[in-house]
Structure formats: C-alpha cells, structure tokens
C-alpha atoms as a PDB file:
ATOM      1  CA  MET A   1     -60.453 -55.390-101.614  1.00  0.00           C
ATOM      2  CA  ASN A   2     -62.897 -56.694-104.230  1.00  0.00           C
ATOM      3  CA  GLY A   3     -66.380 -55.270-103.560  1.00  0.00           C
ATOM      4  CA  ASP A   4     -67.164 -56.437-100.015  1.00  0.00           C
ATOM      5  CA  VAL A   5     -64.934 -59.501-100.347  1.00  0.00           C
ATOM      6  CA  SER A   6     -61.480 -59.283 -98.717  1.00  0.00           C
ATOM      7  CA  ASN A   7     -58.574 -61.217-100.206  1.00  0.00           C
ATOM      8  CA  VAL A   8     -56.309 -60.714 -97.179  1.00  0.00           C
ATOM      9  CA  ASP A   9     -57.001 -64.063 -95.531  1.00  0.00           C
ATOM     10  CA  LEU A  10     -56.978 -65.819 -98.880  1.00  0.00           C
ATOM     11  CA  ILE A  11     -53.549 -64.406 -99.697  1.00  0.00           C
ATOM     12  CA  GLY A  12     -52.334 -65.767 -96.373  1.00  0.00           C
ATOM     13  CA  ILE A  13     -53.542 -69.229 -97.383  1.00  0.00           C
ATOM     14  CA  ALA A  14     -51.895 -68.859-100.789  1.00  0.00           C
ATOM     15  CA  ALA A  15     -48.600 -67.942 -99.113  1.00  0.00           C
ATOM     16  CA  MET A  16     -48.610 -71.305 -97.335  1.00  0.00           C
ATOM     17  CA  GLN A  17     -49.511 -73.156-100.542  1.00  0.00           C
ATOM     18  CA  GLY A  18     -46.848 -71.933-102.919  1.00  0.00           C
ATOM     19  CA  GLY A  19     -48.921 -68.934-103.995  1.00  0.00           C
ATOM     20  CA  VAL A  20     -52.128 -70.725-105.059  1.00  0.00           C
ATOM     21  CA  VAL A  21     -55.618 -71.399-103.730  1.00  0.00           C
ATOM     22  CA  THR A  22     -58.411 -73.684-104.806  1.00  0.00           C
ATOM     23  CA  ARG A  23     -61.860 -72.596-105.954  1.00  0.00           C
ATOM     24  CA  ALA A  24     -63.362 -74.138-102.802  1.00  0.00           C
ATOM     25  CA  GLN A  25     -61.027 -72.100-100.590  1.00  0.00           C
ATOM     26  CA  ALA A  26     -61.914 -68.907-102.444  1.00  0.00           C
ATOM     27  CA  MET A  27     -65.641 -69.543-102.036  1.00  0.00           C
ATOM     28  CA  ASP A  28     -65.162 -70.377 -98.336  1.00  0.00           C
ATOM     29  CA  HIS A  29     -63.764 -66.851 -97.973  1.00  0.00           C
ATOM     30  CA  GLY A  30     -66.699 -65.059 -99.550  1.00  0.00           C
ATOM     31  CA  HIS A  31     -66.025 -65.291-103.265  1.00  0.00           C
ATOM     32  CA  THR A  32     -68.637 -66.362-105.771  1.00  0.00           C
ATOM     33  CA  ARG A  33     -68.355 -67.643-109.308  1.00  0.00           C
ATOM     34  CA  HIS A  34     -68.812 -64.054-110.551  1.00  0.00           C
ATOM     35  CA  THR A  35     -66.167 -62.485-108.274  1.00  0.00           C
ATOM     36  CA  ILE A  36     -63.681 -65.224-109.137  1.00  0.00           C
ATOM     37  CA  ASP A  37     -64.282 -64.604-112.849  1.00  0.00           C
ATOM     38  CA  ARG A  38     -63.770 -60.867-112.249  1.00  0.00           C
ATOM     39  CA  GLU A  39     -60.421 -61.474-110.517  1.00  0.00           C
ATOM     40  CA  LEU A  40     -59.311 -63.633-113.446  1.00  0.00           C
ATOM     41  CA  ARG A  41     -60.427 -61.106-116.071  1.00  0.00           C
ATOM     42  CA  SER A  42     -58.650 -58.283-114.280  1.00  0.00           C
ATOM     43  CA  GLY A  43     -55.424 -60.242-114.140  1.00  0.00           C
ATOM     44  CA  SER A  44     -55.248 -60.100-110.327  1.00  0.00           C
ATOM     45  CA  TRP A  45     -55.467 -63.890-110.288  1.00  0.00           C
ATOM     46  CA  GLY A  46     -54.080 -66.382-112.755  1.00  0.00           C
ATOM     47  CA  ARG A  47     -55.603 -69.730-113.667  1.00  0.00           C
ATOM     48  CA  VAL A  48     -53.151 -72.558-112.929  1.00  0.00           C
ATOM     49  CA  SER A  49     -55.374 -75.543-113.590  1.00  0.00           C
ATOM     50  CA  LYS A  50     -59.014 -76.472-113.246  1.00  0.00           C
ATOM     51  CA  GLY A  51     -60.242 -74.990-109.977  1.00  0.00           C
ATOM     52  CA  VAL A  52     -56.797 -73.681-108.952  1.00  0.00           C
ATOM     53  CA  TYR A  53     -55.740 -70.027-109.078  1.00  0.00           C
ATOM     54  CA  ARG A  54     -52.449 -68.243-108.504  1.00  0.00           C
ATOM     55  CA  LEU A  55     -52.605 -65.180-106.258  1.00  0.00           C
ATOM     56  CA  ILE A  56     -48.864 -64.805-105.608  1.00  0.00           C
ATOM     57  CA  PRO A  57     -46.180 -65.234-108.320  1.00  0.00           C
ATOM     58  CA  ALA A  58     -44.088 -68.390-107.991  1.00  0.00           C
ATOM     59  CA  VAL A  59     -40.567 -67.388-106.958  1.00  0.00           C
ATOM     60  CA  ASP A  60     -38.865 -70.748-107.454  1.00  0.00           C
ATOM     61  CA  VAL A  61     -39.409 -74.414-108.266  1.00  0.00           C
ATOM     62  CA  ASP A  62     -40.380 -75.254-104.701  1.00  0.00           C
ATOM     63  CA  ASP A  63     -43.258 -72.741-104.899  1.00  0.00           C
ATOM     64  CA  ARG A  64     -44.657 -74.532-107.929  1.00  0.00           C
ATOM     65  CA  LEU A  65     -44.211 -77.938-106.326  1.00  0.00           C
ATOM     66  CA  LEU A  66     -45.834 -76.825-103.078  1.00  0.00           C
ATOM     67  CA  GLY A  67     -48.746 -75.369-105.014  1.00  0.00           C
ATOM     68  CA  ALA A  68     -49.202 -78.575-106.991  1.00  0.00           C
ATOM     69  CA  VAL A  69     -49.084 -80.985-104.038  1.00  0.00           C
ATOM     70  CA  THR A  70     -51.354 -78.721-101.995  1.00  0.00           C
ATOM     71  CA  THR A  71     -54.113 -78.307-104.562  1.00  0.00           C
ATOM     72  CA  LEU A  72     -54.015 -81.414-106.761  1.00  0.00           C
ATOM     73  CA  PRO A  73     -55.796 -84.493-105.337  1.00  0.00           C
ATOM     74  CA  ASP A  74     -53.492 -86.681-103.221  1.00  0.00           C
ATOM     75  CA  ALA A  75     -50.423 -85.347-105.036  1.00  0.00           C
ATOM     76  CA  VAL A  76     -46.826 -86.053-104.030  1.00  0.00           C
ATOM     77  CA  VAL A  77     -43.508 -84.638-105.266  1.00  0.00           C
ATOM     78  CA  SER A  78     -41.900 -87.323-107.410  1.00  0.00           C
ATOM     79  CA  HIS A  79     -39.347 -88.290-110.080  1.00  0.00           C
ATOM     80  CA  THR A  80     -36.441 -85.863-110.563  1.00  0.00           C
ATOM     81  CA  SER A  81     -37.993 -83.286-108.210  1.00  0.00           C
ATOM     82  CA  ALA A  82     -38.141 -85.859-105.410  1.00  0.00           C
ATOM     83  CA  ALA A  83     -34.577 -86.919-106.233  1.00  0.00           C
ATOM     84  CA  ARG A  84     -33.389 -83.321-105.832  1.00  0.00           C
ATOM     85  CA  LEU A  85     -35.131 -82.909-102.480  1.00  0.00           C
ATOM     86  CA  LEU A  86     -33.803 -86.259-101.228  1.00  0.00           C
ATOM     87  CA  GLY A  87     -30.193 -85.690-102.268  1.00  0.00           C
ATOM     88  CA  VAL A  88     -30.126 -88.236-105.103  1.00  0.00           C
ATOM     89  CA  ASP A  89     -27.555 -86.859-107.539  1.00  0.00           C
ATOM     90  CA  GLY A  90     -26.561 -87.466-111.152  1.00  0.00           C
ATOM     91  CA  LEU A  91     -29.902 -86.833-112.885  1.00  0.00           C
ATOM     92  CA  PRO A  92     -30.833 -84.440-115.703  1.00  0.00           C
ATOM     93  CA  ASP A  93     -33.203 -81.583-114.958  1.00  0.00           C
ATOM     94  CA  LEU A  94     -36.576 -82.749-116.274  1.00  0.00           C
ATOM     95  CA  GLY A  95     -38.556 -79.950-114.637  1.00  0.00           C
ATOM     96  CA  PRO A  96     -40.795 -79.876-111.551  1.00  0.00           C
ATOM     97  CA  SER A  97     -42.671 -83.185-111.222  1.00  0.00           C
ATOM     98  CA  VAL A  98     -45.473 -84.521-109.053  1.00  0.00           C
ATOM     99  CA  THR A  99     -47.556 -87.683-109.093  1.00  0.00           C
ATOM    100  CA  VAL A 100     -51.296 -87.875-108.511  1.00  0.00           C
ATOM    101  CA  VAL A 101     -53.202 -91.006-107.617  1.00  0.00           C
ATOM    102  CA  GLY A 102     -55.711 -92.388-110.104  1.00  0.00           C
ATOM    103  CA  THR A 103     -56.208 -92.297-113.846  1.00  0.00           C
ATOM    104  CA  THR A 104     -57.846 -88.864-114.195  1.00  0.00           C
ATOM    105  CA  THR A 105     -55.806 -86.288-116.107  1.00  0.00           C
ATOM    106  CA  HIS A 106     -54.718 -83.261-114.070  1.00  0.00           C
ATOM    107  CA  ARG A 107     -52.748 -80.204-115.103  1.00  0.00           C
ATOM    108  CA  PHE A 108     -50.738 -77.647-113.151  1.00  0.00           C
ATOM    109  CA  ASP A 109     -49.006 -74.812-114.960  1.00  0.00           C
ATOM    110  CA  GLY A 110     -45.221 -75.285-114.984  1.00  0.00           C
ATOM    111  CA  VAL A 111     -45.305 -78.760-113.411  1.00  0.00           C
ATOM    112  CA  VAL A 112     -45.175 -82.217-115.012  1.00  0.00           C
ATOM    113  CA  VAL A 113     -48.038 -84.283-113.553  1.00  0.00           C
ATOM    114  CA  HIS A 114     -47.624 -88.071-113.579  1.00  0.00           C
ATOM    115  CA  ARG A 115     -50.399 -90.535-112.747  1.00  0.00           C
ATOM    116  CA  ALA A 116     -50.077 -93.543-110.458  1.00  0.00           C
ATOM    117  CA  GLY A 117     -52.872 -95.990-111.079  1.00  0.00           C
ATOM    118  CA  VAL A 118     -51.784 -98.251-108.209  1.00  0.00           C
ATOM    119  CA  GLY A 119     -51.348 -95.315-105.863  1.00  0.00           C
ATOM    120  CA  VAL A 120     -48.554 -94.065-103.636  1.00  0.00           C
ATOM    121  CA  PRO A 121     -49.039 -95.815-100.263  1.00  0.00           C
ATOM    122  CA  ALA A 122     -47.955 -94.276 -96.979  1.00  0.00           C
ATOM    123  CA  ASP A 123     -44.710 -96.258 -96.804  1.00  0.00           C
ATOM    124  CA  HIS A 124     -43.721 -94.864-100.218  1.00  0.00           C
ATOM    125  CA  ARG A 125     -44.018 -91.290 -98.908  1.00  0.00           C
ATOM    126  CA  THR A 126     -41.978 -88.957 -96.756  1.00  0.00           C
ATOM    127  CA  VAL A 127     -42.102 -85.194 -96.122  1.00  0.00           C
ATOM    128  CA  VAL A 128     -39.393 -82.772 -97.266  1.00  0.00           C
ATOM    129  CA  ARG A 129     -39.715 -78.979 -96.880  1.00  0.00           C
ATOM    130  CA  ARG A 130     -43.379 -79.364 -95.880  1.00  0.00           C
ATOM    131  CA  MET A 131     -44.106 -81.285 -99.099  1.00  0.00           C
ATOM    132  CA  PRO A 132     -45.215 -84.911 -99.367  1.00  0.00           C
ATOM    133  CA  THR A 133     -42.457 -86.582-101.378  1.00  0.00           C
ATOM    134  CA  THR A 134     -41.848 -90.089-102.659  1.00  0.00           C
ATOM    135  CA  THR A 135     -39.217 -92.022-100.694  1.00  0.00           C
ATOM    136  CA  VAL A 136     -35.801 -92.689-102.189  1.00  0.00           C
ATOM    137  CA  ALA A 137     -36.780 -96.259-103.098  1.00  0.00           C
ATOM    138  CA  ARG A 138     -40.054 -95.218-104.759  1.00  0.00           C
ATOM    139  CA  THR A 139     -38.313 -92.341-106.528  1.00  0.00           C
ATOM    140  CA  LEU A 140     -35.694 -94.666-108.013  1.00  0.00           C
ATOM    141  CA  VAL A 141     -38.351 -97.098-109.234  1.00  0.00           C
ATOM    142  CA  ASP A 142     -40.331 -94.236-110.810  1.00  0.00           C
ATOM    143  CA  LEU A 143     -37.200 -92.835-112.459  1.00  0.00           C
ATOM    144  CA  ALA A 144     -36.591 -96.120-114.279  1.00  0.00           C
ATOM    145  CA  GLY A 145     -39.327 -95.091-116.689  1.00  0.00           C
ATOM    146  CA  VAL A 146     -38.175 -91.549-117.476  1.00  0.00           C
ATOM    147  CA  VAL A 147     -34.358 -91.429-117.736  1.00  0.00           C
ATOM    148  CA  PHE A 148     -31.840 -93.210-119.957  1.00  0.00           C
ATOM    149  CA  PRO A 149     -30.950 -96.698-118.632  1.00  0.00           C
ATOM    150  CA  ALA A 150     -27.220 -95.934-118.370  1.00  0.00           C
ATOM    151  CA  VAL A 151     -27.923 -92.841-116.284  1.00  0.00           C
ATOM    152  CA  TRP A 152     -30.464 -94.696-114.135  1.00  0.00           C
ATOM    153  CA  HIS A 153     -28.064 -97.587-113.444  1.00  0.00           C
ATOM    154  CA  GLU A 154     -25.410 -95.165-112.216  1.00  0.00           C
ATOM    155  CA  VAL A 155     -27.879 -93.245-110.049  1.00  0.00           C
ATOM    156  CA  ILE A 156     -29.453 -96.271-108.343  1.00  0.00           C
ATOM    157  CA  GLN A 157     -26.059 -97.901-107.804  1.00  0.00           C
ATOM    158  CA  THR A 158     -24.745 -94.758-106.137  1.00  0.00           C
ATOM    159  CA  ALA A 159     -27.870 -94.347-104.002  1.00  0.00           C
ATOM    160  CA  VAL A 160     -27.804 -97.943-102.724  1.00  0.00           C
ATOM    161  CA  VAL A 161     -24.061 -98.058-102.087  1.00  0.00           C
ATOM    162  CA  GLY A 162     -24.229 -94.625-100.444  1.00  0.00           C
ATOM    163  CA  GLY A 163     -26.876 -95.811 -98.007  1.00  0.00           C
ATOM    164  CA  LEU A 164     -29.735 -93.574 -99.195  1.00  0.00           C
ATOM    165  CA  THR A 165     -31.858 -96.717 -99.577  1.00  0.00           C
ATOM    166  CA  SER A 166     -31.404-100.489 -99.683  1.00  0.00           C
ATOM    167  CA  MET A 167     -31.973-103.217-102.229  1.00  0.00           C
ATOM    168  CA  ARG A 168     -34.651-104.636 -99.916  1.00  0.00           C
ATOM    169  CA  GLU A 169     -36.597-101.345-100.017  1.00  0.00           C
ATOM    170  CA  VAL A 170     -36.217-100.975-103.791  1.00  0.00           C
ATOM    171  CA  ARG A 171     -37.323-104.561-104.367  1.00  0.00           C
ATOM    172  CA  ALA A 172     -40.391-104.142-102.123  1.00  0.00           C
ATOM    173  CA  VAL A 173     -41.501-101.036-104.031  1.00  0.00           C
ATOM    174  CA  ALA A 174     -40.876-102.640-107.436  1.00  0.00           C
ATOM    175  CA  GLU A 175     -42.859-105.745-106.526  1.00  0.00           C
ATOM    176  CA  LEU A 176     -45.860-103.560-105.702  1.00  0.00           C
ATOM    177  CA  VAL A 177     -45.867-101.034-108.546  1.00  0.00           C
ATOM    178  CA  CYS A 178     -44.073-102.612-111.510  1.00  0.00           C
ATOM    179  CA  GLY A 179     -46.080-104.571-114.034  1.00  0.00           C
ATOM    180  CA  ARG A 180     -46.839-105.035-117.689  1.00  0.00           C
ATOM    181  CA  GLY A 181     -47.187-101.747-119.500  1.00  0.00           C
ATOM    182  CA  ARG A 182     -45.568 -99.624-116.787  1.00  0.00           C
ATOM    183  CA  ALA A 183     -42.595 -97.664-118.091  1.00  0.00           C
ATOM    184  CA  GLY A 184     -39.330 -98.875-116.585  1.00  0.00           C
ATOM    185  CA  SER A 185     -40.630-102.261-115.406  1.00  0.00           C
ATOM    186  CA  ALA A 186     -38.374-104.243-117.736  1.00  0.00           C
ATOM    187  CA  LEU A 187     -35.358-102.231-116.608  1.00  0.00           C
ATOM    188  CA  MET A 188     -36.271-102.874-112.968  1.00  0.00           C
ATOM    189  CA  ARG A 189     -36.621-106.629-113.550  1.00  0.00           C
ATOM    190  CA  GLU A 190     -33.233-106.747-115.273  1.00  0.00           C
ATOM    191  CA  PHE A 191     -31.584-104.823-112.439  1.00  0.00           C
ATOM    192  CA  LEU A 192     -33.165-106.857-109.636  1.00  0.00           C
ATOM    193  CA  GLY A 193     -32.285-110.089-111.425  1.00  0.00           C
ATOM    194  CA  ASN A 194     -28.576-109.229-111.307  1.00  0.00           C
ATOM    195  CA  PRO A 195     -26.994-110.886-108.244  1.00  0.00           C
ATOM    196  CA  MET A 196     -24.534-107.981-107.974  1.00  0.00           C
ATOM    197  CA  ALA A 197     -27.203-105.283-108.198  1.00  0.00           C
ATOM    198  CA  GLY A 198     -26.569-102.608-105.624  1.00  0.00           C
ATOM    199  CA  ALA A 199     -23.062-103.874-104.887  1.00  0.00           C
ATOM    200  CA  SER A 200     -20.234-101.406-104.429  1.00  0.00           C
ATOM    201  CA  ALA A 201     -17.143-101.432-106.627  1.00  0.00           C
ATOM    202  CA  LEU A 202     -15.279-103.128-103.778  1.00  0.00           C
ATOM    203  CA  GLU A 203     -17.938-105.842-103.427  1.00  0.00           C
ATOM    204  CA  ARG A 204     -17.780-106.516-107.157  1.00  0.00           C
ATOM    205  CA  ARG A 205     -13.991-106.822-106.936  1.00  0.00           C
ATOM    206  CA  VAL A 206     -14.214-109.185-103.937  1.00  0.00           C
ATOM    207  CA  ALA A 207     -16.733-111.283-105.882  1.00  0.00           C
ATOM    208  CA  VAL A 208     -14.216-111.665-108.709  1.00  0.00           C
ATOM    209  CA  VAL A 209     -11.407-112.615-106.318  1.00  0.00           C
ATOM    210  CA  LEU A 210     -13.505-115.196-104.423  1.00  0.00           C
ATOM    211  CA  GLU A 211     -15.372-116.573-107.456  1.00  0.00           C
ATOM    212  CA  PRO A 212     -13.330-119.848-107.567  1.00  0.00           C
ATOM    213  CA  LEU A 213     -14.602-120.668-104.052  1.00  0.00           C
ATOM    214  CA  HIS A 214     -18.290-120.052-104.949  1.00  0.00           C
ATOM    215  CA  PRO A 215     -19.333-118.035-101.869  1.00  0.00           C
ATOM    216  CA  VAL A 216     -22.999-117.319-101.091  1.00  0.00           C
ATOM    217  CA  ARG A 217     -23.916-113.664-101.705  1.00  0.00           C
ATOM    218  CA  GLN A 218     -25.973-111.646 -99.206  1.00  0.00           C
ATOM    219  CA  PHE A 219     -26.305-114.525 -96.744  1.00  0.00           C
ATOM    220  CA  PRO A 220     -28.615-113.793 -93.760  1.00  0.00           C
ATOM    221  CA  ALA A 221     -26.521-113.550 -90.593  1.00  0.00           C
ATOM    222  CA  PRO A 222     -27.776-116.359 -88.294  1.00  0.00           C
ATOM    223  CA  TRP A 223     -27.270-114.169 -85.191  1.00  0.00           C
ATOM    224  CA  ASP A 224     -29.055-111.108 -86.582  1.00  0.00           C
ATOM    225  CA  GLY A 225     -32.527-111.064 -88.106  1.00  0.00           C
ATOM    226  CA  VAL A 226     -31.768-107.992 -90.238  1.00  0.00           C
ATOM    227  CA  ARG A 227     -28.130-108.135 -91.244  1.00  0.00           C
ATOM    228  CA  ARG A 228     -26.770-109.901 -94.334  1.00  0.00           C
ATOM    229  CA  LEU A 229     -23.171-110.900 -95.001  1.00  0.00           C
ATOM    230  CA  ASP A 230     -21.599-109.726 -98.245  1.00  0.00           C
ATOM    231  CA  PHE A 231     -20.168-113.204 -98.827  1.00  0.00           C
ATOM    232  CA  ALA A 232     -20.476-116.375 -96.773  1.00  0.00           C
ATOM    233  CA  PHE A 233     -19.340-119.976 -96.582  1.00  0.00           C
ATOM    234  CA  PRO A 234     -22.136-121.346 -94.368  1.00  0.00           C
ATOM    235  CA  GLN A 235     -20.636-124.820 -93.809  1.00  0.00           C
ATOM    236  CA  ALA A 236     -17.440-123.192 -92.568  1.00  0.00           C
ATOM    237  CA  ARG A 237     -19.323-120.528 -90.597  1.00  0.00           C
ATOM    238  CA  LEU A 238     -17.117-117.994 -92.323  1.00  0.00           C
ATOM    239  CA  GLY A 239     -18.237-114.574 -93.524  1.00  0.00           C
ATOM    240  CA  VAL A 240     -16.367-112.101 -95.725  1.00  0.00           C
ATOM    241  CA  GLU A 241     -17.229-108.402 -95.620  1.00  0.00           C
ATOM    242  CA  ALA A 242     -16.164-105.775 -98.177  1.00  0.00           C
ATOM    243  CA  ASP A 243     -15.151-102.932 -95.863  1.00  0.00           C
ATOM    244  CA  GLY A 244     -14.991 -99.808 -97.989  1.00  0.00           C
ATOM    245  CA  ARG A 245     -15.102 -97.297 -95.153  1.00  0.00           C
ATOM    246  CA  LYS A 246     -12.013 -95.415 -94.067  1.00  0.00           C
ATOM    247  CA  TRP A 247     -10.352 -97.169 -91.156  1.00  0.00           C
ATOM    248  CA  HIS A 248     -10.563 -95.398 -87.782  1.00  0.00           C
ATOM    249  CA  SER A 249      -8.789 -96.667 -84.695  1.00  0.00           C
ATOM    250  CA  THR A 250     -11.354 -94.922 -82.496  1.00  0.00           C
ATOM    251  CA  GLY A 251     -14.910 -93.705 -82.838  1.00  0.00           C
ATOM    252  CA  ARG A 252     -18.412 -95.031 -83.293  1.00  0.00           C
ATOM    253  CA  SER A 253     -17.748 -96.935 -86.551  1.00  0.00           C
ATOM    254  CA  PHE A 254     -14.884 -98.875 -84.996  1.00  0.00           C
ATOM    255  CA  GLN A 255     -16.949 -99.818 -81.935  1.00  0.00           C
ATOM    256  CA  SER A 256     -19.908-100.826 -84.108  1.00  0.00           C
ATOM    257  CA  ASP A 257     -17.715-103.112 -86.226  1.00  0.00           C
ATOM    258  CA  ARG A 258     -16.208-104.718 -83.161  1.00  0.00           C
ATOM    259  CA  ALA A 259     -19.635-105.334 -81.641  1.00  0.00           C
ATOM    260  CA  ARG A 260     -20.792-107.043 -84.839  1.00  0.00           C
ATOM    261  CA  ASP A 261     -17.631-109.140 -84.972  1.00  0.00           C
ATOM    262  CA  HIS A 262     -18.109-110.235 -81.350  1.00  0.00           C
ATOM    263  CA  ALA A 263     -21.726-111.184 -82.026  1.00  0.00           C
ATOM    264  CA  ALA A 264     -20.526-113.353 -84.914  1.00  0.00           C
ATOM    265  CA  LEU A 265     -17.904-115.032 -82.732  1.00  0.00           C
ATOM    266  CA  ASP A 266     -20.511-115.732 -80.060  1.00  0.00           C
ATOM    267  CA  ALA A 267     -22.526-117.542 -82.750  1.00  0.00           C
ATOM    268  CA  GLY A 268     -19.480-119.555 -83.846  1.00  0.00           C
ATOM    269  CA  TRP A 269     -18.798-117.503 -86.982  1.00  0.00           C
ATOM    270  CA  LEU A 270     -15.594-115.803 -88.098  1.00  0.00           C
ATOM    271  CA  LEU A 271     -15.764-112.574 -90.091  1.00  0.00           C
ATOM    272  CA  VAL A 272     -12.982-111.498 -92.446  1.00  0.00           C
ATOM    273  CA  ARG A 273     -12.960-107.841 -93.483  1.00  0.00           C
ATOM    274  CA  LEU A 274     -11.374-106.956 -96.834  1.00  0.00           C
ATOM    275  CA  THR A 275     -10.403-103.471 -98.005  1.00  0.00           C
ATOM    276  CA  HIS A 276      -9.648-102.025-101.424  1.00  0.00           C
ATOM    277  CA  ALA A 277      -5.929-102.454-100.767  1.00  0.00           C
ATOM    278  CA  ASP A 278      -6.363-106.131 -99.851  1.00  0.00           C
ATOM    279  CA  VAL A 279      -8.063-107.182-103.082  1.00  0.00           C
ATOM    280  CA  HIS A 280      -6.125-104.946-105.450  1.00  0.00           C
ATOM    281  CA  ARG A 281      -2.563-105.329-104.210  1.00  0.00           C
ATOM    282  CA  ASP A 282      -2.459-109.105-103.714  1.00  0.00           C
ATOM    283  CA  PRO A 283      -5.719-110.829-104.702  1.00  0.00           C
ATOM    284  CA  ASP A 284      -4.024-114.248-104.945  1.00  0.00           C
ATOM    285  CA  ARG A 285      -2.974-114.062-101.304  1.00  0.00           C
ATOM    286  CA  ILE A 286      -6.551-113.188-100.279  1.00  0.00           C
ATOM    287  CA  LEU A 287      -7.922-116.129-102.265  1.00  0.00           C
ATOM    288  CA  ARG A 288      -5.409-118.523-100.653  1.00  0.00           C
ATOM    289  CA  MET A 289      -6.166-117.185 -97.169  1.00  0.00           C
ATOM    290  CA  VAL A 290      -9.949-117.552 -97.505  1.00  0.00           C
ATOM    291  CA  ALA A 291      -9.562-121.015 -99.088  1.00  0.00           C
ATOM    292  CA  ARG A 292      -7.355-122.102 -96.156  1.00  0.00           C
ATOM    293  CA  LEU A 293      -9.898-120.814 -93.610  1.00  0.00           C
ATOM    294  CA  VAL A 294     -12.730-122.678 -95.383  1.00  0.00           C
ATOM    295  CA  ARG A 295     -10.688-125.927 -95.303  1.00  0.00           C
ATOM    296  CA  GLU A 296      -9.693-125.520 -91.670  1.00  0.00           C
ATOM    297  CA  ARG A 297     -13.218-124.694 -90.500  1.00  0.00           C
ATOM    298  CA  THR A 298     -14.820-127.583 -92.394  1.00  0.00           C
ATOM    299  CA  GLY A 299     -12.162-130.151 -91.563  1.00  0.00           C
ATOM    300  CA  GLY A 300     -11.267-130.438 -95.228  1.00  0.00           C
END
C-alpha cells in the first residue's frame, strides 16, 4: 500500500507483462507523477525505459522479452530471440532482441531494440508464448544483417531444407524490406540470386549428376498450382525429385507420394525419385537412365 493507492491490481498487470507496467497503466490505477516518483526513489519500482517501470524482477529472458513487446510501441520479438522461440538453431547468443516500428529510438533495460523503418506487417508476424514474434522468413532476413555470413548461410539453408520456411516466403519478405543501406541486403541478394539457394545436399548432388542434360530447376508442376519440381525436362514431360526422406512402405508419407505421382501421370508426366544412394553409388547409371527417358519421351 502506498498512501491510499493500492498496487495489488497493478502488480497483477505486471505479472502478465513480464513484470513491468507503463506510466499510463500506473496512473489509470490511481498513481500520480508524485507517487510514481516516490516508488522509484524508494526502490520499490525500477525504471526500465521512458515511461516503463519494473514492479516484479525478471526471472528469465522471456520475462524481459514479454515486458518489452508489451510496453514498447508495436514491438515484436525478433532476430536471435525470435529464432530461439521458432526453433531455428545454429545461432550465437546475441541477447534478448525486439524490433519496434518507426525511426524513433527506444530503450528497454536488458533488451536490444532494433528499428524497422518499413514496419513489420501482419504476415511477417506470428505469436509464440503469448509474444508477437517475427515469422521464420522475416527472422532469417533480419538475421542477415547481424550474424557472420558463413553462419547465416548455414542457418538459412538448414531452415529451408528442414521445412521451417520456404524460398518463396523468404524471397517475398526480402523483396519488401531489403534495400539500399539496410544491413544484410547485399547478402540476401547474393543468396537469392543463387539458383541452388535453399537446396538440400541431395538436390545439389542431383544437380551435379544431371548437369550435362541441362534440366530446368524448380519447374512449376502443370497439374498443381503450388508445387514445383526439383528438376524437369518439360518437352519430355519428365520430372526428377530428390527424395531425401527415409523410405516407408506404409504410412502417410508413402500415400502422399503416391497421390502426387498419380496426379503427374494423369497429366501425362512421369516422375523419377532419386535417393542419396542412387546418386552416390552409381551416378553414371542415373545419368544414362534419365537421358534415355528424355530421348524416349521426346521421340529423339
């Protein structure tokens, strides 16, 4: 109790906000400029940033992040903190990080605050542990400006191949936010300009094996408005898929593959699935087989 002002309700609000409250919230619950100053002088409250006060000690990183995204204007967990929440591995610990929209400088004790002049639109956001968080694609684009290129290349490659995001999503984010003067933009342009960007180790190996035949990479499947073929010979209506998943004779993955293969056959296409063993044990045989299929299906 502070005079005739009770902090009980305010502490309840702080508990839901990572231990902090804003000046406006304090005044809505009966505090004045003088009572707030008294709480700060007594040490009962701690000043976190302009107009933000800590009533409950931060127990962990998530407390600090929750406090920051709750009290800073339009803030979102980002960079390595977003990567941790989203399961993107292989990054150094650069401390708790959030991004605020606009060019105004904001501070939050114990948290790195980045600024996003072009904003963080709704489709670049998700929610993890009650906190607004940048999506995997937006996180990877943001990280291009803060980690070493070699580390970033490994992380984005793993995330795309592992299915956490797609090259289409990364490209869409980069086209919106990257530009002259933005850290990481040159690295993003270099990565997106590589025709094998986002390809798995198996896809890169298949590309080497089939290179003499000059297949088309990431060819849109004519029977599916979303799907793309790893490699295609459109005139032969022949597709080649790098199948890196473990083979199962039963189960959902097997049925899904068969359904896709049948859809291709219905459209007059033949799909060839290649595994690691295929392209490493006898790559010459694979090259001869695909070359023969191309000749047979084009009348050559």
